[in-house]
């Protein structure tokens, strides 16, 4: 009984109280009442007309809408092929055909929330990685009608995390408050990054942990993440996300 009590107290202090505090903060933010009232326009963080000869890969994320925004981000992928004068954006959504191509502006706001760039690769490195990225998108197993589950996944963040795991050269991981990024099918999943710089263990996305140069030290519970970022020193606060120490 003492062990169970201590476990419950740890979960309460480490995960539930920070998440409730973030929900309180979110309730005070000004946000649209519905998707039809939201601003989905370009936030202007990517060049409006990309350089034709330069390749690029961008991972973007923004707080999602409604109460969900207190706990999670929505993330997506943007690529610019060499020789092209436009971006290609890929999202996974919860309505219709899950994987959407160019349904929104490349750097569009999500439910009025401005996005930010999680990771970018440009130039020759991007040109080399784009075919691999497109193959991982085509390979994604949860891309059919009905293959979206808000929690614990597979959702929008599960899709982007799948691509990022396939391309460790991006050198990044989705933020800790991207709920669903840790989802994996089956009772237990153990994933070691191809470059051996990250270890990820999850029990259906409901509990688990991650260790490595990209993940730092993480403990997962019910889609919430607590931990410490080593590469870019920060505390990972459940629901709120990383809080930089510098």
Protein backbone atom coordinates (compact mmCIF):
# COMPACT_ATOMS: atom_id res chain seq x y z
CA UNK A 1 0.00 0.00 0.00
CA UNK A 2 2.84 2.39 0.80
CA UNK A 3 4.38 1.74 -2.61
CA UNK A 4 1.07 2.48 -4.35
CA UNK A 5 0.59 5.61 -2.26
CA UNK A 6 4.07 6.86 -3.13
CA UNK A 7 3.49 6.10 -6.81
CA UNK A 8 0.19 7.99 -6.79
CA UNK A 9 1.84 10.94 -5.04
CA UNK A 10 4.66 10.97 -7.60
CA UNK A 11 2.20 10.97 -10.51
CA UNK A 12 0.19 13.73 -8.86
CA UNK A 13 3.19 16.00 -8.26
CA UNK A 14 5.16 15.21 -11.40
CA UNK A 15 2.37 15.12 -13.99
CA UNK A 16 -1.13 16.04 -12.84
CA UNK A 17 -0.49 19.27 -10.92
CA UNK A 18 1.70 20.83 -13.69
CA UNK A 19 -0.92 19.84 -16.28
CA UNK A 20 -3.71 21.42 -14.22
CA UNK A 21 -1.64 24.59 -13.79
CA UNK A 22 -1.11 24.74 -17.56
CA UNK A 23 -4.86 24.27 -18.12
CA UNK A 24 -5.47 27.24 -15.80
CA UNK A 25 -3.01 29.36 -17.75
CA UNK A 26 -4.60 28.32 -21.05
CA UNK A 27 -8.09 29.24 -19.85
CA UNK A 28 -6.91 32.86 -19.50
CA UNK A 29 -5.63 33.09 -23.08
CA UNK A 30 -7.60 34.84 -25.80
CA UNK A 31 -8.59 32.27 -28.43
CA UNK A 32 -11.33 31.70 -31.01
CA UNK A 33 -14.61 30.08 -30.03
CA UNK A 34 -14.54 27.60 -32.94
CA UNK A 35 -12.54 26.54 -35.99
CA UNK A 36 -14.68 28.77 -38.23
CA UNK A 37 -13.68 31.84 -36.18
CA UNK A 38 -10.00 30.92 -36.16
CA UNK A 39 -7.22 32.50 -38.21
CA UNK A 40 -5.54 29.96 -40.50
CA UNK A 41 -3.47 32.45 -42.52
CA UNK A 42 0.29 32.46 -43.03
CA UNK A 43 2.25 33.56 -39.98
CA UNK A 44 5.08 34.83 -42.21
CA UNK A 45 7.87 32.80 -40.63
CA UNK A 46 8.88 31.19 -43.94
CA UNK A 47 9.82 33.22 -47.05
CA UNK A 48 6.63 33.79 -49.06
CA UNK A 49 8.45 32.88 -52.29
CA UNK A 50 11.20 30.34 -51.57
CA UNK A 51 14.48 30.40 -53.44
CA UNK A 52 13.93 28.15 -56.43
CA UNK A 53 17.26 26.36 -56.35
CA UNK A 54 17.45 25.72 -52.61
CA UNK A 55 15.96 22.63 -51.00
CA UNK A 56 14.52 22.76 -47.49
CA UNK A 57 12.82 20.61 -44.87
CA UNK A 58 10.98 22.24 -41.97
CA UNK A 59 9.13 20.75 -39.01
CA UNK A 60 6.60 23.22 -37.59
CA UNK A 61 4.30 23.12 -34.57
CA UNK A 62 1.65 25.30 -32.96
CA UNK A 63 -0.74 24.98 -30.03
CA UNK A 64 -3.92 23.29 -31.09
CA UNK A 65 -7.48 24.56 -30.54
CA UNK A 66 -10.04 24.38 -27.75
CA UNK A 67 -9.23 22.73 -24.43
CA UNK A 68 -6.77 20.45 -26.25
CA UNK A 69 -4.50 23.46 -26.65
CA UNK A 70 -3.79 23.41 -22.93
CA UNK A 71 -2.09 20.06 -23.28
CA UNK A 72 -0.78 19.66 -26.79
CA UNK A 73 0.61 20.99 -30.03
CA UNK A 74 -0.26 20.15 -33.62
CA UNK A 75 2.80 19.52 -35.79
CA UNK A 76 3.38 19.21 -39.54
CA UNK A 77 6.04 18.85 -42.22
CA UNK A 78 7.04 21.30 -44.93
CA UNK A 79 9.40 20.53 -47.79
CA UNK A 80 10.74 22.63 -50.66
CA UNK A 81 12.25 20.61 -53.47
CA UNK A 82 15.21 21.94 -55.46
CA UNK A 83 14.01 23.63 -58.64
CA UNK A 84 10.52 24.24 -57.22
CA UNK A 85 9.14 27.66 -56.32
CA UNK A 86 6.58 26.38 -53.79
CA UNK A 87 6.32 24.52 -50.52
CA UNK A 88 4.65 21.16 -49.92
CA UNK A 89 2.96 20.74 -46.54
CA UNK A 90 1.92 17.44 -44.96
CA UNK A 91 -0.41 17.11 -41.93
CA UNK A 92 -2.32 14.31 -40.33
CA UNK A 93 -5.80 15.39 -39.26
CA UNK A 94 -8.83 13.85 -37.60
CA UNK A 95 -11.36 14.27 -40.39
CA UNK A 96 -11.64 12.80 -43.89
CA UNK A 97 -8.49 11.34 -45.40
CA UNK A 98 -5.94 11.63 -42.56
CA UNK A 99 -2.79 12.67 -44.45
CA UNK A 100 -3.41 16.08 -46.01
CA UNK A 101 -1.17 17.57 -48.70
CA UNK A 102 -1.16 21.38 -49.04
CA UNK A 103 -4.48 21.81 -47.24
CA UNK A 104 -3.12 24.89 -45.42
CA UNK A 105 -0.47 27.56 -45.88
CA UNK A 106 3.01 26.16 -45.26
CA UNK A 107 3.45 28.31 -42.15
CA UNK A 108 -0.24 28.85 -41.45
CA UNK A 109 -1.56 29.52 -37.98
CA UNK A 110 -3.35 26.61 -36.33
CA UNK A 111 -6.61 27.66 -34.66
CA UNK A 112 -5.14 31.21 -34.61
CA UNK A 113 -2.01 30.02 -32.79
CA UNK A 114 1.24 31.10 -34.45
CA UNK A 115 3.58 28.23 -35.35
CA UNK A 116 7.28 27.98 -34.73
CA UNK A 117 10.02 25.98 -36.42
CA UNK A 118 11.02 22.87 -34.48
CA UNK A 119 13.75 21.77 -36.89
CA UNK A 120 15.10 22.76 -40.31
CA UNK A 121 17.55 21.40 -42.83
CA UNK A 122 18.41 23.32 -46.00
CA UNK A 123 20.61 23.10 -49.07
CA UNK A 124 22.33 19.92 -50.23
CA UNK A 125 21.51 18.06 -47.00
CA UNK A 126 17.80 18.74 -47.47
CA UNK A 127 17.92 17.70 -51.14
CA UNK A 128 19.52 14.41 -50.09
CA UNK A 129 16.95 13.77 -47.34
CA UNK A 130 13.74 14.73 -49.18
CA UNK A 131 13.37 11.35 -51.00
CA UNK A 132 13.82 9.58 -47.67
CA UNK A 133 11.21 11.85 -46.06
CA UNK A 134 8.73 11.24 -48.87
CA UNK A 135 9.29 7.49 -48.57
CA UNK A 136 8.61 7.60 -44.83
CA UNK A 137 5.37 9.54 -45.46
CA UNK A 138 4.26 6.97 -48.04
CA UNK A 139 5.25 4.20 -45.62
CA UNK A 140 3.21 5.49 -42.69
CA UNK A 141 0.87 2.69 -41.67
CA UNK A 142 -1.84 4.92 -40.13
CA UNK A 143 -2.75 6.88 -43.24
CA UNK A 144 -6.21 5.51 -44.02
CA UNK A 145 -9.71 6.72 -43.18
CA UNK A 146 -10.36 6.08 -39.50
CA UNK A 147 -6.65 5.91 -38.65
CA UNK A 148 -6.76 8.97 -36.40
CA UNK A 149 -7.16 8.76 -32.64
CA UNK A 150 -6.83 11.91 -30.58
CA UNK A 151 -5.36 10.09 -27.57
CA UNK A 152 -3.02 8.34 -27.07
CA UNK A 153 -2.56 8.16 -30.85
CA UNK A 154 -1.95 7.75 -33.70
CA UNK A 155 -2.59 11.46 -34.27
CA UNK A 156 -0.89 14.38 -36.04
CA UNK A 157 2.13 14.23 -33.76
CA UNK A 158 2.47 10.45 -34.10
CA UNK A 159 2.76 10.96 -37.88
CA UNK A 160 5.45 13.65 -37.68
CA UNK A 161 7.35 11.73 -34.98
CA UNK A 162 7.37 8.67 -37.27
CA UNK A 163 9.03 10.72 -40.03
CA UNK A 164 11.51 12.33 -37.65
CA UNK A 165 12.54 8.95 -36.25
CA UNK A 166 13.13 7.73 -39.81
CA UNK A 167 15.37 10.74 -40.49
CA UNK A 168 17.61 11.27 -37.45
CA UNK A 169 19.68 13.65 -39.60
CA UNK A 170 17.08 16.30 -38.74
CA UNK A 171 18.79 16.31 -35.35
CA UNK A 172 15.67 17.04 -33.34
CA UNK A 173 12.61 15.58 -31.67
CA UNK A 174 9.09 16.97 -31.35
CA UNK A 175 8.55 19.14 -28.26
CA UNK A 176 7.60 17.35 -25.06
CA UNK A 177 4.03 18.70 -25.18
CA UNK A 178 3.29 17.20 -28.60
CA UNK A 179 0.87 14.58 -27.24
CA UNK A 180 0.91 11.44 -29.36
CA UNK A 181 4.52 11.71 -30.50
CA UNK A 182 5.42 8.75 -28.23
CA UNK A 183 2.62 6.49 -29.47
CA UNK A 184 3.55 3.10 -30.89
CA UNK A 185 1.20 0.19 -31.61
CA UNK A 186 1.20 -2.92 -29.46
CA UNK A 187 1.62 -3.44 -25.73
CA UNK A 188 5.27 -2.47 -25.66
CA UNK A 189 7.62 -0.90 -28.20
CA UNK A 190 11.38 -0.40 -27.94
CA UNK A 191 12.97 1.88 -30.54
CA UNK A 192 16.67 2.65 -30.87
CA UNK A 193 17.46 5.48 -33.29
CA UNK A 194 19.37 4.44 -36.43
CA UNK A 195 22.31 6.57 -35.26
CA UNK A 196 22.12 5.05 -31.73
CA UNK A 197 21.71 8.48 -30.13
CA UNK A 198 18.25 7.86 -28.67
CA UNK A 199 16.34 5.10 -26.90
CA UNK A 200 12.54 5.21 -26.71
CA UNK A 201 10.41 2.72 -24.76
CA UNK A 202 6.62 2.98 -24.62
CA UNK A 203 3.67 0.91 -23.46
CA UNK A 204 1.16 1.89 -26.13
CA UNK A 205 1.92 5.58 -25.66
CA UNK A 206 0.40 5.45 -22.16
CA UNK A 207 3.63 5.16 -20.20
CA UNK A 208 7.31 4.91 -20.95
CA UNK A 209 10.60 6.74 -21.04
CA UNK A 210 13.25 8.07 -23.41
CA UNK A 211 16.99 8.62 -23.05
CA UNK A 212 19.51 10.12 -25.44
CA UNK A 213 21.13 13.21 -26.88
CA UNK A 214 17.92 14.27 -28.65
CA UNK A 215 15.44 13.25 -25.95
CA UNK A 216 17.54 14.03 -22.90
CA UNK A 217 15.87 12.33 -19.94
CA UNK A 218 12.11 11.82 -20.17
CA UNK A 219 9.40 9.98 -18.24
CA UNK A 220 6.02 9.57 -19.97
CA UNK A 221 2.58 9.15 -18.43
CA UNK A 222 -0.78 9.30 -20.27
CA UNK A 223 0.71 11.42 -23.06
CA UNK A 224 2.34 13.87 -20.63
CA UNK A 225 6.13 14.22 -20.49
CA UNK A 226 8.37 15.27 -17.61
CA UNK A 227 12.10 15.49 -18.00
CA UNK A 228 15.23 17.42 -18.79
CA UNK A 229 16.71 18.48 -22.13
CA UNK A 230 20.47 17.97 -22.09
CA UNK A 231 21.44 19.39 -25.50
CA UNK A 232 19.50 22.64 -24.95
CA UNK A 233 19.20 22.82 -21.16
CA UNK A 234 15.53 23.02 -20.28
CA UNK A 235 13.01 21.48 -17.91
CA UNK A 236 10.21 19.62 -19.69
CA UNK A 237 7.02 20.59 -17.87
CA UNK A 238 4.02 18.31 -18.52
CA UNK A 239 1.46 19.99 -20.86
CA UNK A 240 3.32 23.31 -20.86
CA UNK A 241 6.43 22.08 -22.67
CA UNK A 242 10.14 22.92 -22.38
CA UNK A 243 11.17 25.80 -20.12
CA UNK A 244 14.68 26.97 -21.02
CA UNK A 245 17.18 27.34 -18.19
CA UNK A 246 19.11 30.08 -20.02
